PDB file of N, CA and C in Angstrom:
ATOM      1  N   MET A   1      98.605 122.135-158.853  1.00  0.00           N
ATOM      2  CA  MET A   1      97.295 122.674-158.595  1.00  0.00           C
ATOM      3  C   MET A   1      96.355 121.497-158.313  1.00  0.00           C
ATOM      4  N   LEU A   2      95.515 121.658-157.311  1.00  0.00           N
ATOM      5  CA  LEU A   2      94.527 120.650-156.943  1.00  0.00           C
ATOM      6  C   LEU A   2      93.148 121.236-157.199  1.00  0.00           C
ATOM      7  N   ILE A   3      92.360 120.557-158.034  1.00  0.00           N
ATOM      8  CA  ILE A   3      91.030 121.045-158.397  1.00  0.00           C
ATOM      9  C   ILE A   3      89.994 119.995-158.025  1.00  0.00           C
ATOM     10  N   GLY A   4      88.974 120.412-157.275  1.00  0.00           N
ATOM     11  CA  GLY A   4      87.851 119.550-156.945  1.00  0.00           C
ATOM     12  C   GLY A   4      86.698 119.845-157.877  1.00  0.00           C
ATOM     13  N   VAL A   5      85.960 118.802-158.255  1.00  0.00           N
ATOM     14  CA  VAL A   5      84.785 118.975-159.104  1.00  0.00           C
ATOM     15  C   VAL A   5      83.542 118.514-158.353  1.00  0.00           C
ATOM     16  N   LYS A   6      82.389 118.890-158.874  1.00  0.00           N
ATOM     17  CA  LYS A   6      81.129 118.714-158.149  1.00  0.00           C
ATOM     18  C   LYS A   6      80.744 117.264-157.866  1.00  0.00           C
ATOM     19  N   ASP A   7      81.311 116.300-158.595  1.00  0.00           N
ATOM     20  CA  ASP A   7      80.987 114.894-158.323  1.00  0.00           C
ATOM     21  C   ASP A   7      81.992 114.237-157.368  1.00  0.00           C
ATOM     22  N   ASP A   8      82.668 115.067-156.554  1.00  0.00           N
ATOM     23  CA  ASP A   8      83.591 114.618-155.502  1.00  0.00           C
ATOM     24  C   ASP A   8      84.859 113.950-156.014  1.00  0.00           C
ATOM     25  N   ARG A   9      85.258 114.261-157.241  1.00  0.00           N
ATOM     26  CA  ARG A   9      86.566 113.834-157.728  1.00  0.00           C
ATOM     27  C   ARG A   9      87.536 114.998-157.571  1.00  0.00           C
ATOM     28  N   TYR A  10      88.820 114.683-157.545  1.00  0.00           N
ATOM     29  CA  TYR A  10      89.870 115.687-157.458  1.00  0.00           C
ATOM     30  C   TYR A  10      90.897 115.421-158.541  1.00  0.00           C
ATOM     31  N   PHE A  11      91.450 116.491-159.094  1.00  0.00           N
ATOM     32  CA  PHE A  11      92.482 116.385-160.109  1.00  0.00           C
ATOM     33  C   PHE A  11      93.707 117.153-159.634  1.00  0.00           C
ATOM     34  N   LEU A  12      94.847 116.491-159.669  1.00  0.00           N
ATOM     35  CA  LEU A  12      96.104 117.096-159.251  1.00  0.00           C
ATOM     36  C   LEU A  12      97.035 117.119-160.455  1.00  0.00           C
ATOM     37  N   GLY A  13      97.527 118.296-160.796  1.00  0.00           N
ATOM     38  CA  GLY A  13      98.423 118.399-161.941  1.00  0.00           C
ATOM     39  C   GLY A  13      99.089 119.755-162.008  1.00  0.00           C
ATOM     40  N   LEU A  14      99.885 119.932-163.039  1.00  0.00           N
ATOM     41  CA  LEU A  14     100.582 121.190-163.261  1.00  0.00           C
ATOM     42  C   LEU A  14      99.680 122.134-164.050  1.00  0.00           C
ATOM     43  N   PHE A  15      99.529 123.356-163.555  1.00  0.00           N
ATOM     44  CA  PHE A  15      98.718 124.354-164.248  1.00  0.00           C
ATOM     45  C   PHE A  15      99.338 124.641-165.609  1.00  0.00           C
ATOM     46  N   HIS A  16      98.512 124.575-166.663  1.00  0.00           N
ATOM     47  CA  HIS A  16      98.990 124.876-168.016  1.00  0.00           C
ATOM     48  C   HIS A  16      98.447 126.217-168.486  1.00  0.00           C
ATOM     49  N   CYS A  17      97.117 126.396-168.385  1.00  0.00           N
ATOM     50  CA  CYS A  17      96.530 127.685-168.770  1.00  0.00           C
ATOM     51  C   CYS A  17      95.070 127.755-168.333  1.00  0.00           C
ATOM     52  N   ILE A  18      94.511 128.964-168.464  1.00  0.00           N
ATOM     53  CA  ILE A  18      93.104 129.224-168.185  1.00  0.00           C
ATOM     54  C   ILE A  18      92.584 130.098-169.323  1.00  0.00           C
ATOM     55  N   ASP A  19      91.326 129.882-169.750  1.00  0.00           N
ATOM     56  CA  ASP A  19      90.777 130.694-170.836  1.00  0.00           C
ATOM     57  C   ASP A  19      89.801 131.740-170.300  1.00  0.00           C
ATOM     58  N   LYS A  20      89.212 132.524-171.205  1.00  0.00           N
ATOM     59  CA  LYS A  20      88.301 133.602-170.804  1.00  0.00           C
ATOM     60  C   LYS A  20      87.103 133.094-170.014  1.00  0.00           C
ATOM     61  N   GLN A  21      86.659 131.882-170.298  1.00  0.00           N
ATOM     62  CA  GLN A  21      85.495 131.312-169.628  1.00  0.00           C
ATOM     63  C   GLN A  21      85.838 130.712-168.265  1.00  0.00           C
ATOM     64  N   GLY A  22      87.123 130.646-167.922  1.00  0.00           N
ATOM     65  CA  GLY A  22      87.538 130.101-166.631  1.00  0.00           C
ATOM     66  C   GLY A  22      87.823 128.615-166.655  1.00  0.00           C
ATOM     67  N   ASN A  23      87.834 127.999-167.831  1.00  0.00           N
ATOM     68  CA  ASN A  23      88.206 126.595-167.940  1.00  0.00           C
ATOM     69  C   ASN A  23      89.706 126.477-167.692  1.00  0.00           C
ATOM     70  N   ILE A  24      90.109 125.441-166.969  1.00  0.00           N
ATOM     71  CA  ILE A  24      91.516 125.254-166.622  1.00  0.00           C
ATOM     72  C   ILE A  24      92.049 124.005-167.299  1.00  0.00           C
ATOM     73  N   ILE A  25      93.247 124.117-167.846  1.00  0.00           N
ATOM     74  CA  ILE A  25      93.935 122.954-168.410  1.00  0.00           C
ATOM     75  C   ILE A  25      95.083 122.590-167.480  1.00  0.00           C
ATOM     76  N   LEU A  26      95.108 121.314-167.084  1.00  0.00           N
ATOM     77  CA  LEU A  26      96.192 120.763-166.270  1.00  0.00           C
ATOM     78  C   LEU A  26      96.981 119.775-167.112  1.00  0.00           C
ATOM     79  N   GLN A  27      98.285 119.764-166.918  1.00  0.00           N
ATOM     80  CA  GLN A  27      99.103 118.747-167.577  1.00  0.00           C
ATOM     81  C   GLN A  27      99.622 117.779-166.536  1.00  0.00           C
ATOM     82  N   ASP A  28      99.922 116.564-166.968  1.00  0.00           N
ATOM     83  CA  ASP A  28     100.375 115.486-166.078  1.00  0.00           C
ATOM     84  C   ASP A  28      99.384 115.282-164.929  1.00  0.00           C
ATOM     85  N   ALA A  29      98.107 115.336-165.244  1.00  0.00           N
ATOM     86  CA  ALA A  29      97.050 115.272-164.224  1.00  0.00           C
ATOM     87  C   ALA A  29      96.792 113.840-163.758  1.00  0.00           C
ATOM     88  N   VAL A  30      96.447 113.747-162.477  1.00  0.00           N
ATOM     89  CA  VAL A  30      96.044 112.478-161.869  1.00  0.00           C
ATOM     90  C   VAL A  30      94.666 112.701-161.247  1.00  0.00           C
ATOM     91  N   GLU A  31      93.746 111.764-161.508  1.00  0.00           N
ATOM     92  CA  GLU A  31      92.393 111.843-160.950  1.00  0.00           C
ATOM     93  C   GLU A  31      92.338 111.003-159.674  1.00  0.00           C
ATOM     94  N   TYR A  32      91.702 111.546-158.635  1.00  0.00           N
ATOM     95  CA  TYR A  32      91.496 110.834-157.380  1.00  0.00           C
ATOM     96  C   TYR A  32      90.005 110.776-157.106  1.00  0.00           C
ATOM     97  N   ARG A  33      89.514 109.582-156.753  1.00  0.00           N
ATOM     98  CA  ARG A  33      88.098 109.435-156.402  1.00  0.00           C
ATOM     99  C   ARG A  33      87.942 108.275-155.432  1.00  0.00           C
ATOM    100  N   SER A  34      86.861 108.312-154.660  1.00  0.00           N
ATOM    101  CA  SER A  34      86.585 107.231-153.718  1.00  0.00           C
ATOM    102  C   SER A  34      86.105 106.008-154.472  1.00  0.00           C
ATOM    103  N   ALA A  35      86.542 104.845-154.013  1.00  0.00           N
ATOM    104  CA  ALA A  35      86.089 103.598-154.623  1.00  0.00           C
ATOM    105  C   ALA A  35      84.594 103.415-154.383  1.00  0.00           C
ATOM    106  N   ARG A  36      84.143 103.756-153.180  1.00  0.00           N
ATOM    107  CA  ARG A  36      82.723 103.738-152.808  1.00  0.00           C
ATOM    108  C   ARG A  36      82.465 104.964-151.960  1.00  0.00           C
ATOM    109  N   ALA A  37      81.232 105.372-151.883  1.00  0.00           N
ATOM    110  CA  ALA A  37      80.883 106.577-151.113  1.00  0.00           C
ATOM    111  C   ALA A  37      81.295 106.453-149.647  1.00  0.00           C
ATOM    112  N   SER A  38      81.222 105.246-149.086  1.00  0.00           N
ATOM    113  CA  SER A  38      81.538 105.070-147.669  1.00  0.00           C
ATOM    114  C   SER A  38      83.004 104.701-147.422  1.00  0.00           C
ATOM    115  N   ALA A  39      83.787 104.512-148.491  1.00  0.00           N
ATOM    116  CA  ALA A  39      85.167 104.060-148.323  1.00  0.00           C
ATOM    117  C   ALA A  39      86.145 105.236-148.392  1.00  0.00           C
ATOM    118  N   PRO A  40      86.974 105.419-147.371  1.00  0.00           N
ATOM    119  CA  PRO A  40      87.943 106.504-147.389  1.00  0.00           C
ATOM    120  C   PRO A  40      89.099 106.341-148.386  1.00  0.00           C
ATOM    121  N   PRO A  41      89.575 105.101-148.691  1.00  0.00           N
ATOM    122  CA  PRO A  41      90.707 105.004-149.623  1.00  0.00           C
ATOM    123  C   PRO A  41      90.341 105.547-151.005  1.00  0.00           C
ATOM    124  N   MET A  42      91.281 106.260-151.595  1.00  0.00           N
ATOM    125  CA  MET A  42      91.036 106.879-152.895  1.00  0.00           C
ATOM    126  C   MET A  42      91.675 106.045-154.001  1.00  0.00           C
ATOM    127  N   GLU A  43      90.942 105.914-155.107  1.00  0.00           N
ATOM    128  CA  GLU A  43      91.508 105.315-156.313  1.00  0.00           C
ATOM    129  C   GLU A  43      92.142 106.436-157.119  1.00  0.00           C
ATOM    130  N   GLN A  44      93.154 106.128-157.877  1.00  0.00           N
ATOM    131  CA  GLN A  44      93.774 107.152-158.702  1.00  0.00           C
ATOM    132  C   GLN A  44      94.053 106.593-160.092  1.00  0.00           C
ATOM    133  N   ARG A  45      94.051 107.491-161.081  1.00  0.00           N
ATOM    134  CA  ARG A  45      94.452 107.109-162.433  1.00  0.00           C
ATOM    135  C   ARG A  45      95.098 108.310-163.112  1.00  0.00           C
ATOM    136  N   CYS A  46      96.107 108.024-163.908  1.00  0.00           N
ATOM    137  CA  CYS A  46      96.842 109.074-164.622  1.00  0.00           C
ATOM    138  C   CYS A  46      96.072 109.451-165.883  1.00  0.00           C
ATOM    139  N   LEU A  47      95.920 110.750-166.116  1.00  0.00           N
ATOM    140  CA  LEU A  47      95.143 111.232-167.253  1.00  0.00           C
ATOM    141  C   LEU A  47      95.962 112.021-168.263  1.00  0.00           C
ATOM    142  N   GLY A  48      97.027 112.649-167.843  1.00  0.00           N
ATOM    143  CA  GLY A  48      97.810 113.476-168.756  1.00  0.00           C
ATOM    144  C   GLY A  48      97.258 114.882-168.844  1.00  0.00           C
ATOM    145  N   LEU A  49      96.984 115.360-170.065  1.00  0.00           N
ATOM    146  CA  LEU A  49      96.495 116.719-170.301  1.00  0.00           C
ATOM    147  C   LEU A  49      94.969 116.716-170.269  1.00  0.00           C
ATOM    148  N   ILE A  50      94.367 117.522-169.380  1.00  0.00           N
ATOM    149  CA  ILE A  50      92.902 117.559-169.266  1.00  0.00           C
ATOM    150  C   ILE A  50      92.397 118.994-169.167  1.00  0.00           C
ATOM    151  N   LEU A  51      91.153 119.183-169.584  1.00  0.00           N
ATOM    152  CA  LEU A  51      90.464 120.462-169.439  1.00  0.00           C
ATOM    153  C   LEU A  51      89.358 120.275-168.415  1.00  0.00           C
ATOM    154  N   ILE A  52      89.316 121.160-167.422  1.00  0.00           N
ATOM    155  CA  ILE A  52      88.274 121.122-166.394  1.00  0.00           C
ATOM    156  C   ILE A  52      87.392 122.349-166.589  1.00  0.00           C
ATOM    157  N   PRO A  53      86.128 122.135-166.993  1.00  0.00           N
ATOM    158  CA  PRO A  53      85.224 123.268-167.217  1.00  0.00           C
ATOM    159  C   PRO A  53      84.950 124.032-165.919  1.00  0.00           C
ATOM    160  N   ALA A  54      84.833 125.342-166.035  1.00  0.00           N
ATOM    161  CA  ALA A  54      84.573 126.196-164.875  1.00  0.00           C
ATOM    162  C   ALA A  54      83.279 125.802-164.180  1.00  0.00           C
ATOM    163  N   ALA A  55      82.280 125.386-164.945  1.00  0.00           N
ATOM    164  CA  ALA A  55      80.979 125.034-164.376  1.00  0.00           C
ATOM    165  C   ALA A  55      81.043 123.789-163.495  1.00  0.00           C
ATOM    166  N   CYS A  56      82.048 122.956-163.669  1.00  0.00           N
ATOM    167  CA  CYS A  56      82.179 121.710-162.889  1.00  0.00           C
ATOM    168  C   CYS A  56      83.026 121.874-161.638  1.00  0.00           C
ATOM    169  N   ARG A  57      83.797 122.952-161.557  1.00  0.00           N
ATOM    170  CA  ARG A  57      84.741 123.147-160.461  1.00  0.00           C
ATOM    171  C   ARG A  57      84.031 123.479-159.150  1.00  0.00           C
ATOM    172  N   SER A  58      84.458 122.832-158.064  1.00  0.00           N
ATOM    173  CA  SER A  58      83.925 123.172-156.743  1.00  0.00           C
ATOM    174  C   SER A  58      85.010 123.767-155.839  1.00  0.00           C
ATOM    175  N   SER A  59      86.282 123.478-156.129  1.00  0.00           N
ATOM    176  CA  SER A  59      87.387 124.052-155.353  1.00  0.00           C
ATOM    177  C   SER A  59      88.640 124.087-156.205  1.00  0.00           C
ATOM    178  N   CYS A  60      89.572 124.947-155.790  1.00  0.00           N
ATOM    179  CA  CYS A  60      90.818 125.095-156.538  1.00  0.00           C
ATOM    180  C   CYS A  60      91.898 125.561-155.562  1.00  0.00           C
ATOM    181  N   GLN A  61      92.999 124.818-155.490  1.00  0.00           N
ATOM    182  CA  GLN A  61      94.093 125.176-154.592  1.00  0.00           C
ATOM    183  C   GLN A  61      95.399 125.179-155.363  1.00  0.00           C
ATOM    184  N   VAL A  62      96.209 126.187-155.080  1.00  0.00           N
ATOM    185  CA  VAL A  62      97.503 126.303-155.737  1.00  0.00           C
ATOM    186  C   VAL A  62      98.586 126.173-154.686  1.00  0.00           C
ATOM    187  N   ASP A  63      99.600 125.404-154.989  1.00  0.00           N
ATOM    188  CA  ASP A  63     100.733 125.247-154.094  1.00  0.00           C
ATOM    189  C   ASP A  63     101.981 125.620-154.878  1.00  0.00           C
ATOM    190  N   CYS A  64     102.867 126.373-154.256  1.00  0.00           N
ATOM    191  CA  CYS A  64     104.122 126.721-154.917  1.00  0.00           C
ATOM    192  C   CYS A  64     105.253 126.695-153.898  1.00  0.00           C
ATOM    193  N   CYS A  65     106.467 126.623-154.411  1.00  0.00           N
ATOM    194  CA  CYS A  65     107.638 126.543-153.539  1.00  0.00           C
ATOM    195  C   CYS A  65     108.009 127.934-153.013  1.00  0.00           C
ATOM    196  N   VAL A  66     108.883 127.973-152.051  1.00  0.00           N
ATOM    197  CA  VAL A  66     109.293 129.221-151.417  1.00  0.00           C
ATOM    198  C   VAL A  66     109.903 130.182-152.434  1.00  0.00           C
ATOM    199  N   GLU A  67     110.706 129.673-153.357  1.00  0.00           N
ATOM    200  CA  GLU A  67     111.342 130.516-154.363  1.00  0.00           C
ATOM    201  C   GLU A  67     110.299 131.225-155.232  1.00  0.00           C
ATOM    202  N   ASP A  68     109.234 130.498-155.603  1.00  0.00           N
ATOM    203  CA  ASP A  68     108.158 131.097-156.402  1.00  0.00           C
ATOM    204  C   ASP A  68     107.452 132.208-155.623  1.00  0.00           C
ATOM    205  N   LYS A  69     107.198 131.969-154.346  1.00  0.00           N
ATOM    206  CA  LYS A  69     106.533 132.983-153.515  1.00  0.00           C
ATOM    207  C   LYS A  69     107.390 134.245-153.410  1.00  0.00           C
ATOM    208  N   LEU A  70     108.693 134.055-153.239  1.00  0.00           N
ATOM    209  CA  LEU A  70     109.583 135.208-153.134  1.00  0.00           C
ATOM    210  C   LEU A  70     109.641 135.994-154.441  1.00  0.00           C
ATOM    211  N   SER A  71     109.642 135.290-155.570  1.00  0.00           N
ATOM    212  CA  SER A  71     109.706 135.978-156.859  1.00  0.00           C
ATOM    213  C   SER A  71     108.418 136.730-157.154  1.00  0.00           C
ATOM    214  N   LEU A  72     107.304 136.297-156.556  1.00  0.00           N
ATOM    215  CA  LEU A  72     106.028 136.986-156.723  1.00  0.00           C
ATOM    216  C   LEU A  72     105.809 138.072-155.679  1.00  0.00           C
ATOM    217  N   GLY A  73     106.726 138.184-154.721  1.00  0.00           N
ATOM    218  CA  GLY A  73     106.584 139.174-153.663  1.00  0.00           C
ATOM    219  C   GLY A  73     105.613 138.750-152.577  1.00  0.00           C
ATOM    220  N   LEU A  74     105.371 137.435-152.439  1.00  0.00           N
ATOM    221  CA  LEU A  74     104.417 136.934-151.442  1.00  0.00           C
ATOM    222  C   LEU A  74     105.118 136.451-150.179  1.00  0.00           C
ATOM    223  N   GLY A  75     106.419 136.369-150.187  1.00  0.00           N
ATOM    224  CA  GLY A  75     107.162 135.813-149.054  1.00  0.00           C
ATOM    225  C   GLY A  75     107.367 136.805-148.033  1.00  0.00           C
TER     226      GLY A  75
END
C-alpha cells in the first residue's frame, strides 16, 4: 500500500489494519521524501511499523497480485 500525506511524504508498506477513525497501520514501511522542494530525487528511510492518521492522509493506493484479484472476484 502506498500512502501520501499532506506534507508531500509517501509511505510504502504492507497493510496491517485500519481502525474506526480511518487511521492506517503499515508494517515494514519505508518513508520517501524529497531532499529539497526543487530536487526530484527522493530520500528514503526504513520505519517498520507505523500509524498514519486519517487527518494527515492525502492519497492511498493499493496494489495486489493477480491471484489476489481473482480470489476477490476482481479479475
